[in-house]
Amino acid sequence: MTNPHDPYEQQPSGQFEQPYGLQPYQPPPQFYVQQPYAYVRPPDQGMAVASLVCSLIGLVMCFPAILGIVFGHIALSKAKRGEAGGQGMAQAGMIIGYAIVGLWLIPVILWFVFVVLAIGAAGVS
């Protein structure tokens, strides 16, 4: 005998009746919209490059090393505000610039000392 209230009883077609009116599982529809590609321009780091280059040219002449220090400070402040990149390059340009200016100042100071001593010795005689 067949019980009409038994939800697990097999139907004659070989399929199971879904209890409580449930439907078989169907995955949710996928609505994928491809986003357009956007080119993000890297931040400008020209001042940082100028700082490093001027500081290295300062090995030959002193004045570009001073420019390298100035450009390095400008580039570093822009990099910290997020307006430009190249923070490491700006720091390297400043450090090299200060070192080069320091190396250039040693002979200049020694030359002034020599001139003062020479003038003092000439005036005493």
PDB file of N, CA and C in Angstrom:
ATOM      1  N   MET A   1       0.788  -1.159   0.000  1.00  0.00           N
ATOM      2  CA  MET A   1       0.000   0.000   0.000  1.00  0.00           C
ATOM      3  C   MET A   1       0.844   1.241   0.000  1.00  0.00           C
ATOM      4  N   THR A   2       0.301   2.202  -0.647  1.00  0.00           N
ATOM      5  CA  THR A   2       1.032   3.444  -0.791  1.00  0.00           C
ATOM      6  C   THR A   2       0.418   4.489   0.110  1.00  0.00           C
ATOM      7  N   ASN A   3       1.287   5.170   0.864  1.00  0.00           N
ATOM      8  CA  ASN A   3       0.832   6.228   1.753  1.00  0.00           C
ATOM      9  C   ASN A   3       0.894   7.550   0.982  1.00  0.00           C
ATOM     10  N   PRO A   4      -0.200   8.309   0.809  1.00  0.00           N
ATOM     11  CA  PRO A   4      -0.178   9.540   0.023  1.00  0.00           C
ATOM     12  C   PRO A   4       0.529  10.689   0.749  1.00  0.00           C
ATOM     13  N   HIS A   5       0.740  10.574   2.056  1.00  0.00           N
ATOM     14  CA  HIS A   5       1.385  11.658   2.810  1.00  0.00           C
ATOM     15  C   HIS A   5       2.875  11.421   3.021  1.00  0.00           C
ATOM     16  N   ASP A   6       3.444  10.364   2.459  1.00  0.00           N
ATOM     17  CA  ASP A   6       4.872  10.063   2.637  1.00  0.00           C
ATOM     18  C   ASP A   6       5.679  10.840   1.584  1.00  0.00           C
ATOM     19  N   PRO A   7       6.477  11.877   1.991  1.00  0.00           N
ATOM     20  CA  PRO A   7       7.215  12.687   1.014  1.00  0.00           C
ATOM     21  C   PRO A   7       8.390  11.947   0.393  1.00  0.00           C
ATOM     22  N   TYR A   8       8.825  10.820   0.957  1.00  0.00           N
ATOM     23  CA  TYR A   8      10.004  10.135   0.444  1.00  0.00           C
ATOM     24  C   TYR A   8       9.654   8.985  -0.480  1.00  0.00           C
ATOM     25  N   GLU A   9       8.438   8.830  -0.750  1.00  0.00           N
ATOM     26  CA  GLU A   9       8.032   7.740  -1.622  1.00  0.00           C
ATOM     27  C   GLU A   9       8.385   8.083  -3.060  1.00  0.00           C
ATOM     28  N   GLN A  10       8.873   7.098  -3.754  1.00  0.00           N
ATOM     29  CA  GLN A  10       9.282   7.331  -5.132  1.00  0.00           C
ATOM     30  C   GLN A  10       8.082   7.384  -6.053  1.00  0.00           C
ATOM     31  N   GLN A  11       8.157   8.279  -7.022  1.00  0.00           N
ATOM     32  CA  GLN A  11       7.096   8.397  -8.010  1.00  0.00           C
ATOM     33  C   GLN A  11       7.307   7.310  -9.061  1.00  0.00           C
ATOM     34  N   PRO A  12       6.274   7.010  -9.789  1.00  0.00           N
ATOM     35  CA  PRO A  12       6.418   5.960 -10.791  1.00  0.00           C
ATOM     36  C   PRO A  12       7.383   6.336 -11.908  1.00  0.00           C
ATOM     37  N   SER A  13       7.662   7.635 -12.122  1.00  0.00           N
ATOM     38  CA  SER A  13       8.558   8.008 -13.208  1.00  0.00           C
ATOM     39  C   SER A  13      10.014   7.838 -12.813  1.00  0.00           C
ATOM     40  N   GLY A  14      10.299   7.535 -11.555  1.00  0.00           N
ATOM     41  CA  GLY A  14      11.671   7.334 -11.115  1.00  0.00           C
ATOM     42  C   GLY A  14      12.274   8.591 -10.514  1.00  0.00           C
ATOM     43  N   GLN A  15      11.536   9.676 -10.412  1.00  0.00           N
ATOM     44  CA  GLN A  15      12.052  10.917  -9.828  1.00  0.00           C
ATOM     45  C   GLN A  15      11.462  11.096  -8.441  1.00  0.00           C
ATOM     46  N   PHE A  16      12.198  11.818  -7.612  1.00  0.00           N
ATOM     47  CA  PHE A  16      11.707  12.111  -6.273  1.00  0.00           C
ATOM     48  C   PHE A  16      10.878  13.381  -6.293  1.00  0.00           C
ATOM     49  N   GLU A  17       9.839  13.364  -5.512  1.00  0.00           N
ATOM     50  CA  GLU A  17       9.023  14.562  -5.389  1.00  0.00           C
ATOM     51  C   GLU A  17       9.720  15.506  -4.413  1.00  0.00           C
ATOM     52  N   GLN A  18       9.776  16.795  -4.742  1.00  0.00           N
ATOM     53  CA  GLN A  18      10.424  17.783  -3.884  1.00  0.00           C
ATOM     54  C   GLN A  18       9.459  18.170  -2.776  1.00  0.00           C
ATOM     55  N   PRO A  19       9.896  17.992  -1.513  1.00  0.00           N
ATOM     56  CA  PRO A  19       8.997  18.367  -0.417  1.00  0.00           C
ATOM     57  C   PRO A  19       8.879  19.879  -0.293  1.00  0.00           C
ATOM     58  N   TYR A  20       7.751  20.332   0.142  1.00  0.00           N
ATOM     59  CA  TYR A  20       7.467  21.733   0.417  1.00  0.00           C
ATOM     60  C   TYR A  20       7.625  22.617  -0.807  1.00  0.00           C
ATOM     61  N   GLY A  21       7.559  22.118  -1.951  1.00  0.00           N
ATOM     62  CA  GLY A  21       7.584  22.900  -3.169  1.00  0.00           C
ATOM     63  C   GLY A  21       8.949  23.491  -3.509  1.00  0.00           C
ATOM     64  N   LEU A  22      10.038  22.900  -3.019  1.00  0.00           N
ATOM     65  CA  LEU A  22      11.381  23.416  -3.320  1.00  0.00           C
ATOM     66  C   LEU A  22      11.792  23.033  -4.731  1.00  0.00           C
ATOM     67  N   GLN A  23      12.539  23.916  -5.334  1.00  0.00           N
ATOM     68  CA  GLN A  23      13.060  23.656  -6.674  1.00  0.00           C
ATOM     69  C   GLN A  23      14.472  23.101  -6.558  1.00  0.00           C
ATOM     70  N   PRO A  24      14.927  22.374  -7.565  1.00  0.00           N
ATOM     71  CA  PRO A  24      16.305  21.887  -7.526  1.00  0.00           C
ATOM     72  C   PRO A  24      17.276  23.070  -7.538  1.00  0.00           C
ATOM     73  N   TYR A  25      18.477  22.867  -7.016  1.00  0.00           N
ATOM     74  CA  TYR A  25      19.485  23.939  -6.906  1.00  0.00           C
ATOM     75  C   TYR A  25      19.912  24.418  -8.284  1.00  0.00           C
ATOM     76  N   GLN A  26      19.860  25.702  -8.433  1.00  0.00           N
ATOM     77  CA  GLN A  26      20.363  26.324  -9.655  1.00  0.00           C
ATOM     78  C   GLN A  26      21.316  27.435  -9.223  1.00  0.00           C
ATOM     79  N   PRO A  27      22.498  27.478  -9.812  1.00  0.00           N
ATOM     80  CA  PRO A  27      23.439  28.528  -9.417  1.00  0.00           C
ATOM     81  C   PRO A  27      22.893  29.900  -9.804  1.00  0.00           C
ATOM     82  N   PRO A  28      23.240  30.929  -9.025  1.00  0.00           N
ATOM     83  CA  PRO A  28      22.751  32.275  -9.357  1.00  0.00           C
ATOM     84  C   PRO A  28      23.347  32.749 -10.676  1.00  0.00           C
ATOM     85  N   PRO A  29      22.625  33.563 -11.400  1.00  0.00           N
ATOM     86  CA  PRO A  29      23.151  34.024 -12.688  1.00  0.00           C
ATOM     87  C   PRO A  29      24.362  34.929 -12.474  1.00  0.00           C
ATOM     88  N   GLN A  30      25.325  34.774 -13.336  1.00  0.00           N
ATOM     89  CA  GLN A  30      26.556  35.563 -13.261  1.00  0.00           C
ATOM     90  C   GLN A  30      26.444  36.740 -14.221  1.00  0.00           C
ATOM     91  N   PHE A  31      26.467  37.940 -13.675  1.00  0.00           N
ATOM     92  CA  PHE A  31      26.458  39.147 -14.493  1.00  0.00           C
ATOM     93  C   PHE A  31      27.810  39.808 -14.335  1.00  0.00           C
ATOM     94  N   TYR A  32      28.751  39.434 -15.166  1.00  0.00           N
ATOM     95  CA  TYR A  32      30.098  39.991 -15.090  1.00  0.00           C
ATOM     96  C   TYR A  32      30.261  41.020 -16.187  1.00  0.00           C
ATOM     97  N   VAL A  33      30.532  42.230 -15.770  1.00  0.00           N
ATOM     98  CA  VAL A  33      30.789  43.298 -16.723  1.00  0.00           C
ATOM     99  C   VAL A  33      32.267  43.621 -16.639  1.00  0.00           C
ATOM    100  N   GLN A  34      32.962  43.502 -17.742  1.00  0.00           N
ATOM    101  CA  GLN A  34      34.396  43.763 -17.745  1.00  0.00           C
ATOM    102  C   GLN A  34      34.646  45.263 -17.622  1.00  0.00           C
ATOM    103  N   GLN A  35      35.471  45.601 -16.640  1.00  0.00           N
ATOM    104  CA  GLN A  35      35.799  46.998 -16.412  1.00  0.00           C
ATOM    105  C   GLN A  35      36.808  47.463 -17.456  1.00  0.00           C
ATOM    106  N   PRO A  36      36.687  48.687 -17.921  1.00  0.00           N
ATOM    107  CA  PRO A  36      37.664  49.181 -18.900  1.00  0.00           C
ATOM    108  C   PRO A  36      39.021  49.369 -18.234  1.00  0.00           C
ATOM    109  N   TYR A  37      40.071  49.130 -19.009  1.00  0.00           N
ATOM    110  CA  TYR A  37      41.415  49.302 -18.493  1.00  0.00           C
ATOM    111  C   TYR A  37      41.767  50.779 -18.465  1.00  0.00           C
ATOM    112  N   ALA A  38      42.303  51.206 -17.353  1.00  0.00           N
ATOM    113  CA  ALA A  38      42.714  52.602 -17.219  1.00  0.00           C
ATOM    114  C   ALA A  38      44.223  52.644 -17.014  1.00  0.00           C
ATOM    115  N   TYR A  39      44.893  53.495 -17.761  1.00  0.00           N
ATOM    116  CA  TYR A  39      46.326  53.650 -17.618  1.00  0.00           C
ATOM    117  C   TYR A  39      46.590  54.664 -16.511  1.00  0.00           C
ATOM    118  N   VAL A  40      47.326  54.232 -15.500  1.00  0.00           N
ATOM    119  CA  VAL A  40      47.675  55.121 -14.406  1.00  0.00           C
ATOM    120  C   VAL A  40      49.100  55.597 -14.645  1.00  0.00           C
ATOM    121  N   ARG A  41      49.246  56.896 -14.845  1.00  0.00           N
ATOM    122  CA  ARG A  41      50.555  57.465 -15.117  1.00  0.00           C
ATOM    123  C   ARG A  41      51.364  57.489 -13.828  1.00  0.00           C
ATOM    124  N   PRO A  42      52.603  56.994 -13.857  1.00  0.00           N
ATOM    125  CA  PRO A  42      53.403  57.030 -12.638  1.00  0.00           C
ATOM    126  C   PRO A  42      53.704  58.470 -12.244  1.00  0.00           C
ATOM    127  N   PRO A  43      53.882  58.706 -10.950  1.00  0.00           N
ATOM    128  CA  PRO A  43      54.131  60.069 -10.512  1.00  0.00           C
ATOM    129  C   PRO A  43      55.427  60.613 -11.096  1.00  0.00           C
ATOM    130  N   ASP A  44      55.438  61.908 -11.288  1.00  0.00           N
ATOM    131  CA  ASP A  44      56.586  62.574 -11.875  1.00  0.00           C
ATOM    132  C   ASP A  44      57.720  62.615 -10.857  1.00  0.00           C
ATOM    133  N   GLN A  45      58.900  62.204 -11.260  1.00  0.00           N
ATOM    134  CA  GLN A  45      60.047  62.211 -10.359  1.00  0.00           C
ATOM    135  C   GLN A  45      61.230  62.942 -10.983  1.00  0.00           C
ATOM    136  N   GLY A  46      60.965  63.960 -11.783  1.00  0.00           N
ATOM    137  CA  GLY A  46      62.012  64.707 -12.466  1.00  0.00           C
ATOM    138  C   GLY A  46      62.929  65.457 -11.522  1.00  0.00           C
ATOM    139  N   MET A  47      62.367  66.042 -10.445  1.00  0.00           N
ATOM    140  CA  MET A  47      63.205  66.773  -9.492  1.00  0.00           C
ATOM    141  C   MET A  47      64.161  65.835  -8.770  1.00  0.00           C
ATOM    142  N   ALA A  48      63.707  64.630  -8.470  1.00  0.00           N
ATOM    143  CA  ALA A  48      64.571  63.669  -7.787  1.00  0.00           C
ATOM    144  C   ALA A  48      65.727  63.253  -8.693  1.00  0.00           C
ATOM    145  N   VAL A  49      65.428  63.039  -9.970  1.00  0.00           N
ATOM    146  CA  VAL A  49      66.486  62.687 -10.929  1.00  0.00           C
ATOM    147  C   VAL A  49      67.455  63.849 -11.077  1.00  0.00           C
ATOM    148  N   ALA A  50      66.927  65.080 -11.167  1.00  0.00           N
ATOM    149  CA  ALA A  50      67.789  66.262 -11.289  1.00  0.00           C
ATOM    150  C   ALA A  50      68.675  66.406 -10.058  1.00  0.00           C
ATOM    151  N   SER A  51      68.147  66.105  -8.887  1.00  0.00           N
ATOM    152  CA  SER A  51      68.936  66.181  -7.664  1.00  0.00           C
ATOM    153  C   SER A  51      70.114  65.215  -7.698  1.00  0.00           C
ATOM    154  N   LEU A  52      69.840  63.987  -8.099  1.00  0.00           N
ATOM    155  CA  LEU A  52      70.906  62.981  -8.140  1.00  0.00           C
ATOM    156  C   LEU A  52      71.940  63.308  -9.203  1.00  0.00           C
ATOM    157  N   VAL A  53      71.497  63.727 -10.374  1.00  0.00           N
ATOM    158  CA  VAL A  53      72.426  64.035 -11.468  1.00  0.00           C
ATOM    159  C   VAL A  53      73.283  65.249 -11.112  1.00  0.00           C
ATOM    160  N   CYS A  54      72.659  66.299 -10.591  1.00  0.00           N
ATOM    161  CA  CYS A  54      73.431  67.495 -10.227  1.00  0.00           C
ATOM    162  C   CYS A  54      74.426  67.193  -9.120  1.00  0.00           C
ATOM    163  N   SER A  55      74.036  66.369  -8.172  1.00  0.00           N
ATOM    164  CA  SER A  55      74.960  66.016  -7.101  1.00  0.00           C
ATOM    165  C   SER A  55      76.151  65.236  -7.632  1.00  0.00           C
ATOM    166  N   LEU A  56      75.918  64.344  -8.581  1.00  0.00           N
ATOM    167  CA  LEU A  56      77.034  63.577  -9.153  1.00  0.00           C
ATOM    168  C   LEU A  56      77.919  64.447 -10.037  1.00  0.00           C
ATOM    169  N   ILE A  57      77.345  65.405 -10.740  1.00  0.00           N
ATOM    170  CA  ILE A  57      78.160  66.333 -11.536  1.00  0.00           C
ATOM    171  C   ILE A  57      78.982  67.220 -10.600  1.00  0.00           C
ATOM    172  N   GLY A  58      78.508  67.382  -9.372  1.00  0.00           N
ATOM    173  CA  GLY A  58      79.232  68.163  -8.382  1.00  0.00           C
ATOM    174  C   GLY A  58      80.595  67.606  -8.043  1.00  0.00           C
ATOM    175  N   LEU A  59      80.878  66.376  -8.416  1.00  0.00           N
ATOM    176  CA  LEU A  59      82.221  65.835  -8.221  1.00  0.00           C
ATOM    177  C   LEU A  59      83.251  66.633  -9.021  1.00  0.00           C
ATOM    178  N   VAL A  60      82.834  67.161 -10.166  1.00  0.00           N
ATOM    179  CA  VAL A  60      83.739  67.907 -11.032  1.00  0.00           C
ATOM    180  C   VAL A  60      83.699  69.395 -10.695  1.00  0.00           C
ATOM    181  N   MET A  61      82.500  69.938 -10.486  1.00  0.00           N
ATOM    182  CA  MET A  61      82.329  71.357 -10.152  1.00  0.00           C
ATOM    183  C   MET A  61      81.447  71.432  -8.913  1.00  0.00           C
ATOM    184  N   CYS A  62      81.669  72.415  -8.070  1.00  0.00           N
ATOM    185  CA  CYS A  62      80.935  72.494  -6.804  1.00  0.00           C
ATOM    186  C   CYS A  62      79.506  73.008  -6.978  1.00  0.00           C
ATOM    187  N   PHE A  63      79.276  73.960  -7.861  1.00  0.00           N
ATOM    188  CA  PHE A  63      77.976  74.618  -7.960  1.00  0.00           C
ATOM    189  C   PHE A  63      76.821  73.652  -8.262  1.00  0.00           C
ATOM    190  N   PRO A  64      76.971  72.671  -9.163  1.00  0.00           N
ATOM    191  CA  PRO A  64      75.838  71.747  -9.383  1.00  0.00           C
ATOM    192  C   PRO A  64      75.478  70.926  -8.149  1.00  0.00           C
ATOM    193  N   ALA A  65      76.436  70.681  -7.267  1.00  0.00           N
ATOM    194  CA  ALA A  65      76.112  69.934  -6.041  1.00  0.00           C
ATOM    195  C   ALA A  65      75.175  70.751  -5.160  1.00  0.00           C
ATOM    196  N   ILE A  66      75.347  72.072  -5.155  1.00  0.00           N
ATOM    197  CA  ILE A  66      74.438  72.931  -4.383  1.00  0.00           C
ATOM    198  C   ILE A  66      73.040  72.863  -4.990  1.00  0.00           C
ATOM    199  N   LEU A  67      72.967  72.878  -6.315  1.00  0.00           N
ATOM    200  CA  LEU A  67      71.666  72.712  -6.974  1.00  0.00           C
ATOM    201  C   LEU A  67      71.056  71.346  -6.653  1.00  0.00           C
ATOM    202  N   GLY A  68      71.902  70.322  -6.575  1.00  0.00           N
ATOM    203  CA  GLY A  68      71.419  68.993  -6.220  1.00  0.00           C
ATOM    204  C   GLY A  68      70.791  68.951  -4.839  1.00  0.00           C
ATOM    205  N   ILE A  69      71.365  69.707  -3.905  1.00  0.00           N
ATOM    206  CA  ILE A  69      70.789  69.776  -2.557  1.00  0.00           C
ATOM    207  C   ILE A  69      69.428  70.467  -2.600  1.00  0.00           C
ATOM    208  N   VAL A  70      69.352  71.574  -3.330  1.00  0.00           N
ATOM    209  CA  VAL A  70      68.094  72.319  -3.424  1.00  0.00           C
ATOM    210  C   VAL A  70      67.013  71.470  -4.097  1.00  0.00           C
ATOM    211  N   PHE A  71      67.353  70.863  -5.239  1.00  0.00           N
ATOM    212  CA  PHE A  71      66.382  70.003  -5.933  1.00  0.00           C
ATOM    213  C   PHE A  71      65.979  68.815  -5.066  1.00  0.00           C
ATOM    214  N   GLY A  72      66.917  68.285  -4.294  1.00  0.00           N
ATOM    215  CA  GLY A  72      66.612  67.154  -3.416  1.00  0.00           C
ATOM    216  C   GLY A  72      65.600  67.520  -2.349  1.00  0.00           C
ATOM    217  N   HIS A  73      65.744  68.705  -1.752  1.00  0.00           N
ATOM    218  CA  HIS A  73      64.780  69.126  -0.736  1.00  0.00           C
ATOM    219  C   HIS A  73      63.394  69.342  -1.354  1.00  0.00           C
ATOM    220  N   ILE A  74      63.352  69.934  -2.527  1.00  0.00           N
ATOM    221  CA  ILE A  74      62.056  70.154  -3.191  1.00  0.00           C
ATOM    222  C   ILE A  74      61.401  68.826  -3.538  1.00  0.00           C
ATOM    223  N   ALA A  75      62.191  67.923  -4.122  1.00  0.00           N
ATOM    224  CA  ALA A  75      61.643  66.611  -4.522  1.00  0.00           C
ATOM    225  C   ALA A  75      61.201  65.805  -3.313  1.00  0.00           C
ATOM    226  N   LEU A  76      61.953  65.879  -2.228  1.00  0.00           N
ATOM    227  CA  LEU A  76      61.584  65.121  -1.035  1.00  0.00           C
ATOM    228  C   LEU A  76      60.281  65.646  -0.427  1.00  0.00           C
ATOM    229  N   SER A  77      60.112  66.963  -0.418  1.00  0.00           N
ATOM    230  CA  SER A  77      58.859  67.497   0.127  1.00  0.00           C
ATOM    231  C   SER A  77      57.670  67.131  -0.762  1.00  0.00           C
ATOM    232  N   LYS A  78      57.868  67.128  -2.096  1.00  0.00           N
ATOM    233  CA  LYS A  78      56.779  66.709  -2.994  1.00  0.00           C
ATOM    234  C   LYS A  78      56.453  65.228  -2.813  1.00  0.00           C
ATOM    235  N   ALA A  79      57.492  64.405  -2.624  1.00  0.00           N
ATOM    236  CA  ALA A  79      57.271  62.966  -2.451  1.00  0.00           C
ATOM    237  C   ALA A  79      56.537  62.680  -1.151  1.00  0.00           C
ATOM    238  N   LYS A  80      56.839  63.416  -0.107  1.00  0.00           N
ATOM    239  CA  LYS A  80      56.153  63.190   1.168  1.00  0.00           C
ATOM    240  C   LYS A  80      54.695  63.623   1.119  1.00  0.00           C
ATOM    241  N   ARG A  81      54.383  64.627   0.294  1.00  0.00           N
ATOM    242  CA  ARG A  81      52.992  65.066   0.134  1.00  0.00           C
ATOM    243  C   ARG A  81      52.228  64.166  -0.833  1.00  0.00           C
ATOM    244  N   GLY A  82      52.931  63.295  -1.560  1.00  0.00           N
ATOM    245  CA  GLY A  82      52.286  62.395  -2.514  1.00  0.00           C
ATOM    246  C   GLY A  82      52.103  63.000  -3.888  1.00  0.00           C
ATOM    247  N   GLU A  83      52.716  64.137  -4.157  1.00  0.00           N
ATOM    248  CA  GLU A  83      52.577  64.779  -5.462  1.00  0.00           C
ATOM    249  C   GLU A  83      53.530  64.194  -6.494  1.00  0.00           C
ATOM    250  N   ALA A  84      54.595  63.556  -6.055  1.00  0.00           N
ATOM    251  CA  ALA A  84      55.591  63.002  -6.976  1.00  0.00           C
ATOM    252  C   ALA A  84      56.220  61.780  -6.336  1.00  0.00           C
ATOM    253  N   GLY A  85      56.926  61.023  -7.148  1.00  0.00           N
ATOM    254  CA  GLY A  85      57.628  59.851  -6.653  1.00  0.00           C
ATOM    255  C   GLY A  85      59.105  60.143  -6.502  1.00  0.00           C
ATOM    256  N   GLY A  86      59.874  59.108  -6.245  1.00  0.00           N
ATOM    257  CA  GLY A  86      61.322  59.247  -6.190  1.00  0.00           C
ATOM    258  C   GLY A  86      61.854  59.728  -4.864  1.00  0.00           C
ATOM    259  N   GLN A  87      61.230  59.303  -3.760  1.00  0.00           N
ATOM    260  CA  GLN A  87      61.682  59.753  -2.452  1.00  0.00           C
ATOM    261  C   GLN A  87      63.097  59.271  -2.162  1.00  0.00           C
ATOM    262  N   GLY A  88      63.397  58.039  -2.482  1.00  0.00           N
ATOM    263  CA  GLY A  88      64.737  57.501  -2.242  1.00  0.00           C
ATOM    264  C   GLY A  88      65.793  58.190  -3.087  1.00  0.00           C
ATOM    265  N   MET A  89      65.441  58.483  -4.340  1.00  0.00           N
ATOM    266  CA  MET A  89      66.384  59.170  -5.223  1.00  0.00           C
ATOM    267  C   MET A  89      66.648  60.590  -4.731  1.00  0.00           C
ATOM    268  N   ALA A  90      65.621  61.248  -4.214  1.00  0.00           N
ATOM    269  CA  ALA A  90      65.791  62.598  -3.682  1.00  0.00           C
ATOM    270  C   ALA A  90      66.687  62.580  -2.443  1.00  0.00           C
ATOM    271  N   GLN A  91      66.493  61.599  -1.585  1.00  0.00           N
ATOM    272  CA  GLN A  91      67.347  61.486  -0.398  1.00  0.00           C
ATOM    273  C   GLN A  91      68.790  61.202  -0.791  1.00  0.00           C
ATOM    274  N   ALA A  92      68.978  60.328  -1.765  1.00  0.00           N
ATOM    275  CA  ALA A  92      70.344  60.025  -2.219  1.00  0.00           C
ATOM    276  C   ALA A  92      70.996  61.263  -2.822  1.00  0.00           C
ATOM    277  N   GLY A  93      70.249  62.031  -3.614  1.00  0.00           N
ATOM    278  CA  GLY A  93      70.793  63.253  -4.196  1.00  0.00           C
ATOM    279  C   GLY A  93      71.182  64.263  -3.135  1.00  0.00           C
ATOM    280  N   MET A  94      70.373  64.375  -2.083  1.00  0.00           N
ATOM    281  CA  MET A  94      70.703  65.315  -1.001  1.00  0.00           C
ATOM    282  C   MET A  94      71.946  64.867  -0.245  1.00  0.00           C
ATOM    283  N   ILE A  95      72.023  63.600   0.090  1.00  0.00           N
ATOM    284  CA  ILE A  95      73.168  63.095   0.859  1.00  0.00           C
ATOM    285  C   ILE A  95      74.452  63.245   0.060  1.00  0.00           C
ATOM    286  N   ILE A  96      74.408  62.850  -1.208  1.00  0.00           N
ATOM    287  CA  ILE A  96      75.606  62.984  -2.056  1.00  0.00           C
ATOM    288  C   ILE A  96      75.959  64.455  -2.233  1.00  0.00           C
ATOM    289  N   GLY A  97      74.951  65.307  -2.409  1.00  0.00           N
ATOM    290  CA  GLY A  97      75.207  66.739  -2.561  1.00  0.00           C
ATOM    291  C   GLY A  97      75.873  67.336  -1.338  1.00  0.00           C
ATOM    292  N   TYR A  98      75.371  67.009  -0.141  1.00  0.00           N
ATOM    293  CA  TYR A  98      75.994  67.518   1.077  1.00  0.00           C
ATOM    294  C   TYR A  98      77.426  67.008   1.217  1.00  0.00           C
ATOM    295  N   ALA A  99      77.654  65.743   0.893  1.00  0.00           N
ATOM    296  CA  ALA A  99      79.011  65.192   0.986  1.00  0.00           C
ATOM    297  C   ALA A  99      79.958  65.882   0.006  1.00  0.00           C
ATOM    298  N   ILE A 100      79.509  66.114  -1.214  1.00  0.00           N
ATOM    299  CA  ILE A 100      80.356  66.757  -2.227  1.00  0.00           C
ATOM    300  C   ILE A 100      80.660  68.203  -1.831  1.00  0.00           C
ATOM    301  N   VAL A 101      79.636  68.934  -1.354  1.00  0.00           N
ATOM    302  CA  VAL A 101      79.874  70.320  -0.933  1.00  0.00           C
ATOM    303  C   VAL A 101      80.851  70.341   0.247  1.00  0.00           C
ATOM    304  N   GLY A 102      80.703  69.393   1.171  1.00  0.00           N
ATOM    305  CA  GLY A 102      81.650  69.298   2.287  1.00  0.00           C
ATOM    306  C   GLY A 102      83.063  69.032   1.810  1.00  0.00           C
ATOM    307  N   LEU A 103      83.216  68.151   0.823  1.00  0.00           N
ATOM    308  CA  LEU A 103      84.555  67.858   0.280  1.00  0.00           C
ATOM    309  C   LEU A 103      85.126  69.058  -0.466  1.00  0.00           C
ATOM    310  N   TRP A 104      84.271  69.852  -1.110  1.00  0.00           N
ATOM    311  CA  TRP A 104      84.743  71.048  -1.806  1.00  0.00           C
ATOM    312  C   TRP A 104      85.097  72.159  -0.821  1.00  0.00           C
ATOM    313  N   LEU A 105      84.446  72.212   0.324  1.00  0.00           N
ATOM    314  CA  LEU A 105      84.721  73.273   1.292  1.00  0.00           C
ATOM    315  C   LEU A 105      86.064  73.101   1.997  1.00  0.00           C
ATOM    316  N   ILE A 106      86.521  71.873   2.154  1.00  0.00           N
ATOM    317  CA  ILE A 106      87.803  71.647   2.838  1.00  0.00           C
ATOM    318  C   ILE A 106      88.952  72.365   2.126  1.00  0.00           C
ATOM    319  N   PRO A 107      89.161  72.193   0.817  1.00  0.00           N
ATOM    320  CA  PRO A 107      90.266  72.929   0.174  1.00  0.00           C
ATOM    321  C   PRO A 107      90.054  74.439   0.161  1.00  0.00           C
ATOM    322  N   VAL A 108      88.780  74.886   0.063  1.00  0.00           N
ATOM    323  CA  VAL A 108      88.517  76.327   0.051  1.00  0.00           C
ATOM    324  C   VAL A 108      88.881  76.937   1.406  1.00  0.00           C
ATOM    325  N   ILE A 109      88.504  76.273   2.490  1.00  0.00           N
ATOM    326  CA  ILE A 109      88.839  76.764   3.825  1.00  0.00           C
ATOM    327  C   ILE A 109      90.350  76.757   4.032  1.00  0.00           C
ATOM    328  N   LEU A 110      91.003  75.671   3.601  1.00  0.00           N
ATOM    329  CA  LEU A 110      92.465  75.622   3.724  1.00  0.00           C
ATOM    330  C   LEU A 110      93.126  76.723   2.903  1.00  0.00           C
ATOM    331  N   TRP A 111      92.596  77.048   1.741  1.00  0.00           N
ATOM    332  CA  TRP A 111      93.173  78.112   0.917  1.00  0.00           C
ATOM    333  C   TRP A 111      93.024  79.472   1.612  1.00  0.00           C
ATOM    334  N   PHE A 112      91.850  79.738   2.199  1.00  0.00           N
ATOM    335  CA  PHE A 112      91.661  81.001   2.929  1.00  0.00           C
ATOM    336  C   PHE A 112      92.610  81.102   4.129  1.00  0.00           C
ATOM    337  N   VAL A 113      92.781  79.999   4.848  1.00  0.00           N
ATOM    338  CA  VAL A 113      93.706  79.999   5.984  1.00  0.00           C
ATOM    339  C   VAL A 113      95.122  80.298   5.497  1.00  0.00           C
ATOM    340  N   PHE A 114      95.521  79.688   4.398  1.00  0.00           N
ATOM    341  CA  PHE A 114      96.857  79.919   3.850  1.00  0.00           C
ATOM    342  C   PHE A 114      97.020  81.378   3.432  1.00  0.00           C
ATOM    343  N   VAL A 115      96.026  81.962   2.802  1.00  0.00           N
ATOM    344  CA  VAL A 115      96.097  83.361   2.363  1.00  0.00           C
ATOM    345  C   VAL A 115      96.189  84.294   3.575  1.00  0.00           C
ATOM    346  N   VAL A 116      95.395  84.053   4.610  1.00  0.00           N
ATOM    347  CA  VAL A 116      95.437  84.890   5.806  1.00  0.00           C
ATOM    348  C   VAL A 116      96.800  84.785   6.479  1.00  0.00           C
ATOM    349  N   LEU A 117      97.337  83.583   6.567  1.00  0.00           N
ATOM    350  CA  LEU A 117      98.667  83.412   7.165  1.00  0.00           C
ATOM    351  C   LEU A 117      99.742  84.068   6.313  1.00  0.00           C
ATOM    352  N   ALA A 118      99.609  83.994   4.994  1.00  0.00           N
ATOM    353  CA  ALA A 118     100.608  84.607   4.118  1.00  0.00           C
ATOM    354  C   ALA A 118     100.566  86.134   4.233  1.00  0.00           C
ATOM    355  N   ILE A 119      99.372  86.692   4.296  1.00  0.00           N
ATOM    356  CA  ILE A 119      99.242  88.154   4.437  1.00  0.00           C
ATOM    357  C   ILE A 119      99.760  88.591   5.805  1.00  0.00           C
ATOM    358  N   GLY A 120      99.471  87.833   6.838  1.00  0.00           N
ATOM    359  CA  GLY A 120      99.965  88.167   8.181  1.00  0.00           C
ATOM    360  C   GLY A 120     101.474  88.081   8.268  1.00  0.00           C
ATOM    361  N   ALA A 121     102.055  87.077   7.631  1.00  0.00           N
ATOM    362  CA  ALA A 121     103.520  86.938   7.655  1.00  0.00           C
ATOM    363  C   ALA A 121     104.183  88.022   6.836  1.00  0.00           C
ATOM    364  N   ALA A 122     103.562  88.474   5.740  1.00  0.00           N
ATOM    365  CA  ALA A 122     104.152  89.525   4.922  1.00  0.00           C
ATOM    366  C   ALA A 122     104.085  90.876   5.624  1.00  0.00           C
ATOM    367  N   GLY A 123     103.067  91.118   6.398  1.00  0.00           N
ATOM    368  CA  GLY A 123     102.912  92.387   7.103  1.00  0.00           C
ATOM    369  C   GLY A 123     103.836  92.491   8.290  1.00  0.00           C
ATOM    370  N   VAL A 124     104.252  91.407   8.875  1.00  0.00           N
ATOM    371  CA  VAL A 124     105.111  91.414  10.050  1.00  0.00           C
ATOM    372  C   VAL A 124     106.534  91.727   9.651  1.00  0.00           C
ATOM    373  N   SER A 125     107.019  91.299   8.519  1.00  0.00           N
ATOM    374  CA  SER A 125     108.409  91.469   8.133  1.00  0.00           C
ATOM    375  C   SER A 125     108.777  92.858   7.907  1.00  0.00           C
TER     376      SER A 125
END
